[in-house]
Structure formats: C-alpha cells, structure tokens
C-alpha cells in the first residue's frame, strides 16, 4: 500500500533562478528516510524471494504426488 507523505520544503535557487537545493524540517527528512528504508527493505525481500523460488507446473506436481513419471525437482 502506498502512503503519501506531506512535507514542507523550501526550494533554494541559484543566481540564474534554477533550483539548486531544498531545505526540509528534520522531522520531514526523517519520515522520508524511513519511507526510503522501508521501500529498500521490501524491494530487497522481493528480489530474494523471486531469485530463490522455483516454479513448478501443475503436471510436475501431479507426477511428483502420484509417482508417475520422472522427478524434475
């Protein structure tokens, strides 16, 4: 579930008026950092699960259960 965070920020502009940075309240920075860490943890867990999970077809599972045919596990 995506959670939106409302933050207050001040844009710092350079000589030509282009944005060069922002100021955040510490509490907003910490909330953003927490969200980023949560996202990283979930993404890392999903990658581990995807890379370590082998998928089997229904036919392979039936062969394994019934004992008919060779094992592909």
Protein backbone atom coordinates (compact mmCIF):
# COMPACT_ATOMS: atom_id res chain seq x y z
CA UNK A 1 0.00 0.00 0.00
CA UNK A 2 1.38 3.39 -0.97
CA UNK A 3 1.36 6.03 1.70
CA UNK A 4 1.61 9.67 0.79
CA UNK A 5 3.64 11.98 2.98
CA UNK A 6 3.03 15.69 3.17
CA UNK A 7 6.25 17.60 3.69
CA UNK A 8 7.17 21.23 3.88
CA UNK A 9 10.17 22.31 1.88
CA UNK A 10 11.88 25.46 0.74
CA UNK A 11 13.48 25.48 -2.68
CA UNK A 12 16.87 27.19 -2.86
CA UNK A 13 17.54 28.84 -6.22
CA UNK A 14 20.87 29.80 -7.72
CA UNK A 15 21.85 33.01 -9.47
CA UNK A 16 20.00 32.09 -12.65
CA UNK A 17 16.84 31.10 -10.78
CA UNK A 18 17.41 27.38 -11.25
CA UNK A 19 16.69 25.12 -8.25
CA UNK A 20 19.94 24.07 -6.59
CA UNK A 21 18.70 22.59 -3.32
CA UNK A 22 15.96 22.29 -0.74
CA UNK A 23 15.54 22.85 2.97
CA UNK A 24 13.47 20.30 4.91
CA UNK A 25 12.39 20.16 8.52
CA UNK A 26 14.27 17.41 10.35
CA UNK A 27 11.03 15.53 11.11
CA UNK A 28 10.13 15.55 7.39
CA UNK A 29 13.62 14.38 6.44
CA UNK A 30 13.39 11.51 8.95
CA UNK A 31 9.97 10.49 7.61
CA UNK A 32 11.30 10.48 4.05
CA UNK A 33 14.31 8.46 5.13
CA UNK A 34 12.07 5.93 6.93
CA UNK A 35 9.94 5.57 3.78
CA UNK A 36 13.03 5.08 1.66
CA UNK A 37 14.40 2.43 4.03
CA UNK A 38 11.05 0.59 4.05
CA UNK A 39 10.95 0.66 0.24
CA UNK A 40 14.51 -0.66 0.05
CA UNK A 41 13.75 -3.49 2.51
CA UNK A 42 10.61 -4.58 0.65
CA UNK A 43 12.35 -4.42 -2.73
CA UNK A 44 15.29 -6.44 -1.44
CA UNK A 45 12.99 -9.07 0.09
CA UNK A 46 11.02 -9.37 -3.16
CA UNK A 47 14.23 -9.90 -5.15
CA UNK A 48 15.41 -12.59 -2.73
CA UNK A 49 12.07 -14.40 -2.93
CA UNK A 50 11.99 -14.19 -6.74
CA UNK A 51 15.53 -15.48 -7.12
CA UNK A 52 15.16 -18.36 -4.65
CA UNK A 53 11.68 -19.56 -5.61
CA UNK A 54 11.43 -22.26 -8.26
CA UNK A 55 8.14 -22.56 -10.07
CA UNK A 56 6.64 -25.95 -10.97
CA UNK A 57 3.92 -26.71 -13.46
CA UNK A 58 0.78 -28.49 -12.29
CA UNK A 59 1.85 -31.53 -14.34
CA UNK A 60 5.19 -31.70 -12.48
CA UNK A 61 3.43 -31.52 -9.13
CA UNK A 62 0.94 -34.23 -10.13
CA UNK A 63 3.78 -36.51 -11.31
CA UNK A 64 5.56 -35.99 -8.01
CA UNK A 65 2.46 -36.74 -5.94
CA UNK A 66 1.21 -39.72 -7.95
CA UNK A 67 4.64 -41.19 -8.56
CA UNK A 68 4.05 -41.37 -12.30
CA UNK A 69 6.92 -40.28 -14.47
CA UNK A 70 10.31 -38.93 -13.53
CA UNK A 71 11.06 -36.36 -10.90
CA UNK A 72 12.15 -32.93 -12.01
CA UNK A 73 12.70 -31.50 -8.53
